[in-house]
Structure formats: structure tokens, C-alpha cells
N, C-alpha and C. Protein backbone atom coordinates (compact mmCIF):
# COMPACT_ATOMS: atom_id res chain seq x y z
N LYS A 1 -47.23 -95.46 -18.91
CA LYS A 1 -46.93 -96.35 -20.01
C LYS A 1 -45.83 -97.33 -19.63
N LEU A 2 -44.87 -96.87 -18.86
CA LEU A 2 -43.75 -97.73 -18.51
C LEU A 2 -43.98 -98.52 -17.24
N ILE A 3 -44.75 -97.95 -16.31
CA ILE A 3 -45.04 -98.65 -15.07
C ILE A 3 -46.54 -98.60 -14.81
N GLU A 4 -47.03 -99.62 -14.14
CA GLU A 4 -48.45 -99.67 -13.78
C GLU A 4 -48.71 -98.68 -12.64
N THR A 5 -49.76 -97.91 -12.76
CA THR A 5 -50.09 -96.92 -11.73
C THR A 5 -51.53 -97.11 -11.28
N GLU A 6 -51.78 -96.77 -10.02
CA GLU A 6 -53.15 -96.78 -9.51
C GLU A 6 -53.88 -95.51 -9.91
N GLN A 7 -53.17 -94.40 -9.85
CA GLN A 7 -53.78 -93.09 -10.11
C GLN A 7 -52.69 -92.15 -10.61
N ILE A 8 -53.05 -91.28 -11.53
CA ILE A 8 -52.16 -90.23 -12.01
C ILE A 8 -52.86 -88.91 -11.75
N LEU A 9 -52.18 -88.01 -11.08
CA LEU A 9 -52.71 -86.66 -10.85
C LEU A 9 -51.85 -85.68 -11.65
N LEU A 10 -52.45 -85.04 -12.63
CA LEU A 10 -51.75 -84.05 -13.44
C LEU A 10 -52.22 -82.66 -13.04
N ILE A 11 -51.28 -81.75 -12.94
CA ILE A 11 -51.60 -80.36 -12.60
C ILE A 11 -51.00 -79.47 -13.68
N SER A 12 -51.83 -78.62 -14.26
CA SER A 12 -51.37 -77.66 -15.28
C SER A 12 -50.55 -78.35 -16.35
N SER A 13 -51.12 -79.36 -16.96
CA SER A 13 -50.38 -80.19 -17.90
C SER A 13 -51.25 -80.51 -19.11
N ALA A 14 -50.70 -81.33 -19.98
CA ALA A 14 -51.43 -81.82 -21.15
C ALA A 14 -51.23 -83.32 -21.23
N LYS A 15 -52.31 -84.04 -21.46
CA LYS A 15 -52.24 -85.50 -21.51
C LYS A 15 -51.86 -86.00 -22.89
N THR A 16 -52.35 -85.34 -23.92
CA THR A 16 -52.11 -85.80 -25.28
C THR A 16 -51.70 -84.64 -26.18
N LYS A 17 -51.24 -85.00 -27.36
CA LYS A 17 -50.84 -84.02 -28.37
C LYS A 17 -51.96 -83.02 -28.65
N GLU A 18 -53.19 -83.51 -28.66
CA GLU A 18 -54.33 -82.65 -28.98
C GLU A 18 -54.56 -81.56 -27.92
N GLU A 19 -54.02 -81.75 -26.72
CA GLU A 19 -54.19 -80.74 -25.67
C GLU A 19 -53.10 -79.67 -25.69
N ILE A 20 -52.13 -79.84 -26.56
CA ILE A 20 -51.11 -78.80 -26.75
C ILE A 20 -51.69 -77.78 -27.73
N PRO A 21 -51.65 -76.49 -27.39
CA PRO A 21 -52.21 -75.49 -28.31
C PRO A 21 -51.60 -75.61 -29.71
N PHE A 22 -52.44 -75.43 -30.71
CA PHE A 22 -52.02 -75.58 -32.11
C PHE A 22 -50.83 -74.68 -32.44
N TYR A 23 -50.78 -73.49 -31.85
CA TYR A 23 -49.69 -72.57 -32.17
C TYR A 23 -48.35 -73.08 -31.63
N TYR A 24 -48.35 -73.85 -30.53
CA TYR A 24 -47.12 -74.48 -30.06
C TYR A 24 -46.70 -75.58 -31.02
N ARG A 25 -47.67 -76.36 -31.49
CA ARG A 25 -47.35 -77.45 -32.42
C ARG A 25 -46.78 -76.90 -33.72
N ILE A 26 -47.34 -75.79 -34.20
CA ILE A 26 -46.81 -75.16 -35.42
C ILE A 26 -45.39 -74.67 -35.17
N ALA A 27 -45.18 -74.00 -34.04
CA ALA A 27 -43.83 -73.52 -33.70
C ALA A 27 -42.85 -74.69 -33.61
N GLY A 28 -43.30 -75.82 -33.06
CA GLY A 28 -42.45 -77.00 -32.95
C GLY A 28 -42.07 -77.55 -34.31
N LYS A 29 -43.04 -77.64 -35.21
CA LYS A 29 -42.77 -78.16 -36.56
C LYS A 29 -41.81 -77.24 -37.33
N MET A 30 -41.93 -75.93 -37.09
CA MET A 30 -41.09 -74.98 -37.81
C MET A 30 -39.75 -74.73 -37.12
N GLY A 31 -39.60 -75.23 -35.90
CA GLY A 31 -38.33 -75.08 -35.18
C GLY A 31 -38.11 -73.71 -34.58
N PHE A 32 -39.17 -72.91 -34.43
CA PHE A 32 -39.01 -71.56 -33.87
C PHE A 32 -38.38 -71.59 -32.49
N HIS A 33 -38.75 -72.56 -31.70
CA HIS A 33 -38.25 -72.64 -30.32
C HIS A 33 -36.74 -72.87 -30.27
N LYS A 34 -36.17 -73.41 -31.34
CA LYS A 34 -34.73 -73.71 -31.35
C LYS A 34 -33.89 -72.46 -31.58
N ILE A 35 -34.49 -71.42 -32.13
CA ILE A 35 -33.71 -70.20 -32.38
C ILE A 35 -33.82 -69.19 -31.24
N LEU A 36 -34.70 -69.45 -30.28
CA LEU A 36 -34.82 -68.56 -29.13
C LEU A 36 -33.64 -68.76 -28.18
N PRO A 37 -32.93 -67.70 -27.85
CA PRO A 37 -31.84 -67.86 -26.89
C PRO A 37 -32.38 -68.18 -25.49
N ALA A 38 -31.78 -69.15 -24.83
CA ALA A 38 -32.24 -69.57 -23.49
C ALA A 38 -32.20 -68.39 -22.52
N ARG A 39 -31.21 -67.52 -22.65
CA ARG A 39 -31.11 -66.40 -21.70
C ARG A 39 -32.31 -65.47 -21.82
N LEU A 40 -32.90 -65.38 -23.01
CA LEU A 40 -34.10 -64.58 -23.19
C LEU A 40 -35.27 -65.20 -22.44
N LEU A 41 -35.35 -66.52 -22.45
CA LEU A 41 -36.43 -67.23 -21.78
C LEU A 41 -36.28 -67.22 -20.27
N LYS A 42 -35.05 -67.02 -19.79
CA LYS A 42 -34.79 -67.03 -18.36
C LYS A 42 -35.02 -65.67 -17.70
N ASN A 43 -35.25 -64.65 -18.50
CA ASN A 43 -35.48 -63.31 -17.94
C ASN A 43 -36.89 -63.20 -17.39
N SER A 44 -36.99 -62.78 -16.16
CA SER A 44 -38.30 -62.52 -15.56
C SER A 44 -38.71 -61.10 -15.94
N ASN A 45 -39.88 -60.98 -16.53
CA ASN A 45 -40.39 -59.67 -16.94
C ASN A 45 -41.91 -59.71 -16.98
N PHE A 46 -42.52 -58.65 -17.44
CA PHE A 46 -43.99 -58.61 -17.44
C PHE A 46 -44.60 -59.71 -18.29
N VAL A 47 -43.91 -60.12 -19.36
CA VAL A 47 -44.42 -61.19 -20.22
C VAL A 47 -44.41 -62.53 -19.48
N SER A 48 -43.28 -62.87 -18.85
CA SER A 48 -43.21 -64.14 -18.12
C SER A 48 -44.17 -64.12 -16.93
N ASN A 49 -44.27 -62.99 -16.25
CA ASN A 49 -45.22 -62.89 -15.13
C ASN A 49 -46.66 -63.11 -15.61
N TRP A 50 -47.01 -62.52 -16.74
CA TRP A 50 -48.35 -62.66 -17.29
C TRP A 50 -48.61 -64.11 -17.71
N PHE A 51 -47.66 -64.71 -18.44
CA PHE A 51 -47.83 -66.09 -18.89
C PHE A 51 -48.02 -67.05 -17.73
N PHE A 52 -47.21 -66.90 -16.70
CA PHE A 52 -47.27 -67.82 -15.57
C PHE A 52 -48.39 -67.48 -14.59
N GLY A 53 -48.90 -66.27 -14.65
CA GLY A 53 -49.94 -65.85 -13.71
C GLY A 53 -49.36 -65.42 -12.38
N ALA A 54 -48.14 -64.88 -12.42
CA ALA A 54 -47.50 -64.35 -11.20
C ALA A 54 -47.92 -62.89 -11.05
N ALA A 55 -48.81 -62.62 -10.10
CA ALA A 55 -49.37 -61.27 -9.97
C ALA A 55 -48.80 -60.50 -8.79
N SER A 56 -48.66 -61.14 -7.65
CA SER A 56 -48.19 -60.43 -6.46
C SER A 56 -46.67 -60.24 -6.52
N ALA A 57 -46.17 -59.33 -5.70
CA ALA A 57 -44.72 -59.10 -5.63
C ALA A 57 -44.00 -60.39 -5.22
N PHE A 58 -44.59 -61.13 -4.29
CA PHE A 58 -43.99 -62.40 -3.85
C PHE A 58 -43.93 -63.39 -5.01
N ASP A 59 -45.03 -63.54 -5.77
CA ASP A 59 -45.07 -64.45 -6.92
C ASP A 59 -44.01 -64.07 -7.95
N LYS A 60 -43.91 -62.78 -8.23
CA LYS A 60 -42.95 -62.32 -9.24
C LYS A 60 -41.52 -62.60 -8.80
N GLN A 61 -41.23 -62.38 -7.53
CA GLN A 61 -39.89 -62.65 -7.02
C GLN A 61 -39.59 -64.15 -7.06
N LEU A 62 -40.57 -64.97 -6.69
CA LEU A 62 -40.39 -66.42 -6.73
C LEU A 62 -40.16 -66.90 -8.15
N LEU A 63 -40.96 -66.43 -9.10
CA LEU A 63 -40.78 -66.81 -10.50
C LEU A 63 -39.41 -66.38 -11.00
N LYS A 64 -39.00 -65.18 -10.64
CA LYS A 64 -37.67 -64.69 -11.04
C LYS A 64 -36.59 -65.63 -10.54
N GLN A 65 -36.69 -66.05 -9.28
CA GLN A 65 -35.70 -66.95 -8.69
C GLN A 65 -35.72 -68.31 -9.39
N ILE A 66 -36.92 -68.83 -9.66
CA ILE A 66 -37.03 -70.12 -10.35
C ILE A 66 -36.38 -70.04 -11.72
N LEU A 67 -36.68 -68.99 -12.47
CA LEU A 67 -36.10 -68.85 -13.81
C LEU A 67 -34.59 -68.70 -13.75
N LEU A 68 -34.09 -67.93 -12.78
CA LEU A 68 -32.64 -67.77 -12.63
C LEU A 68 -31.94 -69.09 -12.34
N GLU A 69 -32.60 -69.94 -11.55
CA GLU A 69 -31.98 -71.20 -11.14
C GLU A 69 -32.24 -72.35 -12.11
N THR A 70 -33.04 -72.11 -13.14
CA THR A 70 -33.32 -73.15 -14.12
C THR A 70 -32.16 -73.25 -15.10
N ASP A 71 -31.65 -74.45 -15.26
CA ASP A 71 -30.56 -74.70 -16.20
C ASP A 71 -31.03 -74.38 -17.62
N PRO A 72 -30.27 -73.56 -18.37
CA PRO A 72 -30.70 -73.18 -19.72
C PRO A 72 -30.88 -74.38 -20.65
N ASP A 73 -30.02 -75.38 -20.53
CA ASP A 73 -30.16 -76.57 -21.37
C ASP A 73 -31.43 -77.33 -21.03
N PHE A 74 -31.75 -77.41 -19.74
CA PHE A 74 -33.00 -78.07 -19.34
C PHE A 74 -34.19 -77.30 -19.88
N LEU A 75 -34.15 -75.98 -19.80
CA LEU A 75 -35.25 -75.15 -20.28
C LEU A 75 -35.49 -75.37 -21.77
N LYS A 76 -34.43 -75.38 -22.56
CA LYS A 76 -34.56 -75.62 -24.00
C LYS A 76 -35.12 -77.02 -24.25
N TRP A 77 -34.63 -78.01 -23.50
CA TRP A 77 -35.11 -79.38 -23.64
C TRP A 77 -36.60 -79.45 -23.32
N ALA A 78 -37.01 -78.82 -22.22
CA ALA A 78 -38.41 -78.86 -21.78
C ALA A 78 -39.33 -78.20 -22.81
N ILE A 79 -38.93 -77.07 -23.34
CA ILE A 79 -39.74 -76.39 -24.35
C ILE A 79 -39.87 -77.26 -25.59
N ASP A 80 -38.77 -77.89 -25.99
CA ASP A 80 -38.81 -78.80 -27.14
C ASP A 80 -39.80 -79.94 -26.91
N LYS A 81 -39.79 -80.50 -25.70
CA LYS A 81 -40.69 -81.62 -25.40
C LYS A 81 -42.16 -81.18 -25.42
N VAL A 82 -42.44 -79.95 -25.00
CA VAL A 82 -43.82 -79.46 -25.03
C VAL A 82 -44.27 -79.21 -26.47
N VAL A 83 -43.50 -78.45 -27.23
CA VAL A 83 -43.95 -78.08 -28.58
C VAL A 83 -43.91 -79.26 -29.55
N CYS A 84 -43.16 -80.29 -29.23
CA CYS A 84 -43.09 -81.49 -30.08
C CYS A 84 -43.78 -82.70 -29.44
N TRP A 85 -44.58 -82.48 -28.41
CA TRP A 85 -45.29 -83.54 -27.69
C TRP A 85 -46.14 -84.33 -28.68
N ASP A 86 -45.99 -85.65 -28.68
CA ASP A 86 -46.68 -86.46 -29.68
C ASP A 86 -47.51 -87.59 -29.07
N ASN A 87 -47.71 -87.56 -27.76
CA ASN A 87 -48.50 -88.62 -27.14
C ASN A 87 -49.93 -88.58 -27.66
N ARG A 88 -50.44 -89.75 -28.02
CA ARG A 88 -51.81 -89.84 -28.53
C ARG A 88 -52.71 -90.70 -27.65
N SER A 89 -52.11 -91.46 -26.75
CA SER A 89 -52.92 -92.35 -25.91
C SER A 89 -53.22 -91.69 -24.57
N LEU A 90 -54.47 -91.82 -24.16
CA LEU A 90 -54.91 -91.24 -22.90
C LEU A 90 -54.58 -92.20 -21.77
N PRO A 91 -53.84 -91.72 -20.77
CA PRO A 91 -53.51 -92.61 -19.65
C PRO A 91 -54.76 -93.03 -18.87
N LYS A 92 -54.68 -94.20 -18.26
CA LYS A 92 -55.79 -94.68 -17.42
C LYS A 92 -55.71 -94.01 -16.05
N ASN A 93 -56.84 -93.92 -15.40
CA ASN A 93 -56.92 -93.44 -14.02
C ASN A 93 -56.25 -92.09 -13.81
N VAL A 94 -56.48 -91.17 -14.73
CA VAL A 94 -55.86 -89.85 -14.61
C VAL A 94 -56.89 -88.84 -14.12
N ILE A 95 -56.46 -88.00 -13.20
CA ILE A 95 -57.24 -86.85 -12.75
C ILE A 95 -56.43 -85.62 -13.15
N HIS A 96 -57.05 -84.76 -13.92
CA HIS A 96 -56.37 -83.58 -14.46
C HIS A 96 -56.92 -82.33 -13.77
N ILE A 97 -56.05 -81.64 -13.05
CA ILE A 97 -56.38 -80.40 -12.35
C ILE A 97 -55.78 -79.25 -13.16
N HIS A 98 -56.60 -78.27 -13.48
CA HIS A 98 -56.13 -77.20 -14.34
C HIS A 98 -56.68 -75.86 -13.86
N GLY A 99 -55.99 -74.80 -14.19
CA GLY A 99 -56.45 -73.45 -13.85
C GLY A 99 -57.22 -72.83 -15.00
N SER A 100 -58.28 -72.13 -14.68
CA SER A 100 -59.12 -71.52 -15.73
C SER A 100 -58.38 -70.40 -16.46
N ARG A 101 -57.33 -69.86 -15.83
CA ARG A 101 -56.57 -68.77 -16.46
C ARG A 101 -55.13 -69.15 -16.77
N ASP A 102 -54.90 -70.42 -17.01
CA ASP A 102 -53.56 -70.87 -17.40
C ASP A 102 -53.29 -70.35 -18.81
N ARG A 103 -52.27 -69.54 -18.95
CA ARG A 103 -51.95 -68.96 -20.26
C ARG A 103 -50.89 -69.76 -21.00
N ILE A 104 -50.17 -70.61 -20.30
CA ILE A 104 -49.17 -71.45 -20.95
C ILE A 104 -49.85 -72.63 -21.64
N LEU A 105 -50.74 -73.29 -20.92
CA LEU A 105 -51.56 -74.36 -21.48
C LEU A 105 -53.02 -74.00 -21.19
N PRO A 106 -53.62 -73.17 -22.03
CA PRO A 106 -54.97 -72.68 -21.76
C PRO A 106 -55.98 -73.81 -21.56
N ALA A 107 -56.86 -73.60 -20.59
CA ALA A 107 -57.85 -74.62 -20.21
C ALA A 107 -58.77 -75.01 -21.36
N ARG A 108 -58.97 -74.12 -22.31
CA ARG A 108 -59.87 -74.45 -23.42
C ARG A 108 -59.32 -75.56 -24.31
N PHE A 109 -58.02 -75.84 -24.21
CA PHE A 109 -57.42 -76.88 -25.03
C PHE A 109 -57.38 -78.25 -24.33
N VAL A 110 -57.55 -78.26 -23.03
CA VAL A 110 -57.40 -79.52 -22.29
C VAL A 110 -58.74 -80.03 -21.78
N LYS A 111 -58.80 -81.32 -21.60
CA LYS A 111 -59.98 -81.95 -21.00
C LYS A 111 -59.66 -82.16 -19.52
N TRP A 112 -60.00 -81.18 -18.71
CA TRP A 112 -59.68 -81.23 -17.29
C TRP A 112 -60.82 -81.90 -16.52
N ASP A 113 -60.46 -82.44 -15.36
CA ASP A 113 -61.45 -83.03 -14.46
C ASP A 113 -61.84 -82.05 -13.36
N GLU A 114 -60.87 -81.27 -12.92
CA GLU A 114 -61.10 -80.28 -11.87
C GLU A 114 -60.51 -78.96 -12.34
N ILE A 115 -61.28 -77.89 -12.18
CA ILE A 115 -60.80 -76.57 -12.59
C ILE A 115 -60.68 -75.69 -11.36
N ILE A 116 -59.59 -74.95 -11.29
CA ILE A 116 -59.42 -73.95 -10.23
C ILE A 116 -59.69 -72.60 -10.88
N GLN A 117 -60.80 -71.99 -10.47
CA GLN A 117 -61.20 -70.72 -11.05
C GLN A 117 -60.12 -69.67 -10.82
N ASP A 118 -59.78 -68.97 -11.89
CA ASP A 118 -58.77 -67.91 -11.89
C ASP A 118 -57.36 -68.43 -11.62
N GLY A 119 -57.17 -69.73 -11.61
CA GLY A 119 -55.83 -70.30 -11.41
C GLY A 119 -55.02 -70.21 -12.69
N GLY A 120 -53.75 -69.86 -12.54
CA GLY A 120 -52.84 -69.80 -13.68
C GLY A 120 -51.85 -70.95 -13.61
N HIS A 121 -50.85 -70.92 -14.46
CA HIS A 121 -49.86 -71.98 -14.50
C HIS A 121 -49.05 -72.03 -13.20
N PHE A 122 -49.04 -70.93 -12.49
CA PHE A 122 -48.28 -70.79 -11.24
C PHE A 122 -49.12 -71.17 -10.02
N MET A 123 -50.29 -71.74 -10.23
CA MET A 123 -51.24 -71.96 -9.13
C MET A 123 -50.75 -72.96 -8.09
N VAL A 124 -49.79 -73.81 -8.42
CA VAL A 124 -49.26 -74.71 -7.38
C VAL A 124 -48.56 -73.91 -6.29
N PHE A 125 -48.16 -72.68 -6.62
CA PHE A 125 -47.54 -71.80 -5.63
C PHE A 125 -48.55 -70.82 -5.03
N ASN A 126 -49.28 -70.11 -5.89
CA ASN A 126 -50.14 -69.04 -5.37
C ASN A 126 -51.59 -69.45 -5.13
N ARG A 127 -51.95 -70.67 -5.42
CA ARG A 127 -53.28 -71.21 -5.09
C ARG A 127 -53.12 -72.59 -4.47
N SER A 128 -52.04 -72.75 -3.71
CA SER A 128 -51.67 -74.07 -3.18
C SER A 128 -52.74 -74.65 -2.25
N ASP A 129 -53.45 -73.82 -1.50
CA ASP A 129 -54.50 -74.35 -0.62
C ASP A 129 -55.58 -75.07 -1.43
N GLU A 130 -55.98 -74.46 -2.54
CA GLU A 130 -57.01 -75.07 -3.39
C GLU A 130 -56.49 -76.32 -4.09
N VAL A 131 -55.26 -76.25 -4.58
CA VAL A 131 -54.65 -77.42 -5.24
C VAL A 131 -54.53 -78.56 -4.24
N ASN A 132 -54.03 -78.26 -3.05
CA ASN A 132 -53.85 -79.30 -2.03
C ASN A 132 -55.18 -79.92 -1.59
N ALA A 133 -56.23 -79.12 -1.52
CA ALA A 133 -57.55 -79.65 -1.15
C ALA A 133 -58.01 -80.68 -2.19
N LEU A 134 -57.77 -80.38 -3.46
CA LEU A 134 -58.13 -81.35 -4.51
C LEU A 134 -57.25 -82.59 -4.44
N LEU A 135 -55.97 -82.40 -4.19
CA LEU A 135 -55.07 -83.55 -4.08
C LEU A 135 -55.50 -84.46 -2.94
N ARG A 136 -55.85 -83.87 -1.80
CA ARG A 136 -56.30 -84.67 -0.65
C ARG A 136 -57.57 -85.46 -0.98
N ARG A 137 -58.42 -84.88 -1.78
CA ARG A 137 -59.67 -85.56 -2.16
C ARG A 137 -59.38 -86.86 -2.94
N TYR A 138 -58.32 -86.84 -3.73
CA TYR A 138 -58.02 -87.99 -4.59
C TYR A 138 -56.99 -88.95 -4.01
N LEU A 139 -56.27 -88.53 -2.98
CA LEU A 139 -55.23 -89.41 -2.41
C LEU A 139 -55.77 -90.24 -1.26
């Protein structure tokens, strides 16, 4: 919107408000996300592992490290931007790569162009070969 682009490649994302799950939008309108303590969201546990799709010991350790190093204020800001996302215009020249098992932004809510079977939200790490093959196809 701000700069002209030749191509946009989105991975595990949402292009418009309609691609954000309705339950996130409801939580955003009600302000539920504002009462969650950031330290609770930064804890790596079976829930965060499940949501992100971190299954192996390596994935779980990496997610734990990422969450530990994420600034709590940034995390709260990012969650607010997702649950209150209001974009209605579809960007031009966008290729949307999504995982079929993304639990944070489930594939059934988004209009994806390329799907990575069994890929979760963490697929840029644990399915990087498949993601990179798709990126090479479009670059």
C-alpha cells in the first residue's frame, strides 16, 4: 500500500480481516488479549508447542528460545495487531504460502495459493526445504 511492489510472498499470514479467525476478531473487540499477562504468553509449554506446530525436541527448544528472547511489549503489540487487523483490500501480485496444519491462522480461513501439507505455523523452521522450494519458484 505504501510502496509499489513487483511481488509479495506471504508465509503463514493473513491478507485481509476476513482471513483472521472470527474468534480472534471477537477477542479483539472484547479486549481479552489486553488482560493476558505477557509473561504467560512467553512461556513455552505443550499449548504453545501445539499451536505453533513444534513437535520435535529441536523445534520445542527453538520455540522456547524464540519466546524467551521476544520482547514482551512487542508480543503484546503483535497480538493486538492480529486480533484487531482491519485490512480489507487484497494486495496485488501476492503469493500466499500456508501450512495445512497451521493452528494459529488455520488454513480454512485463508485463501492460500500454495499449501504445505502438514505444515504448521512453525514451518519456516521445520519445513524450510519445502518453503524454500516454493520461494525459489516465485523469485
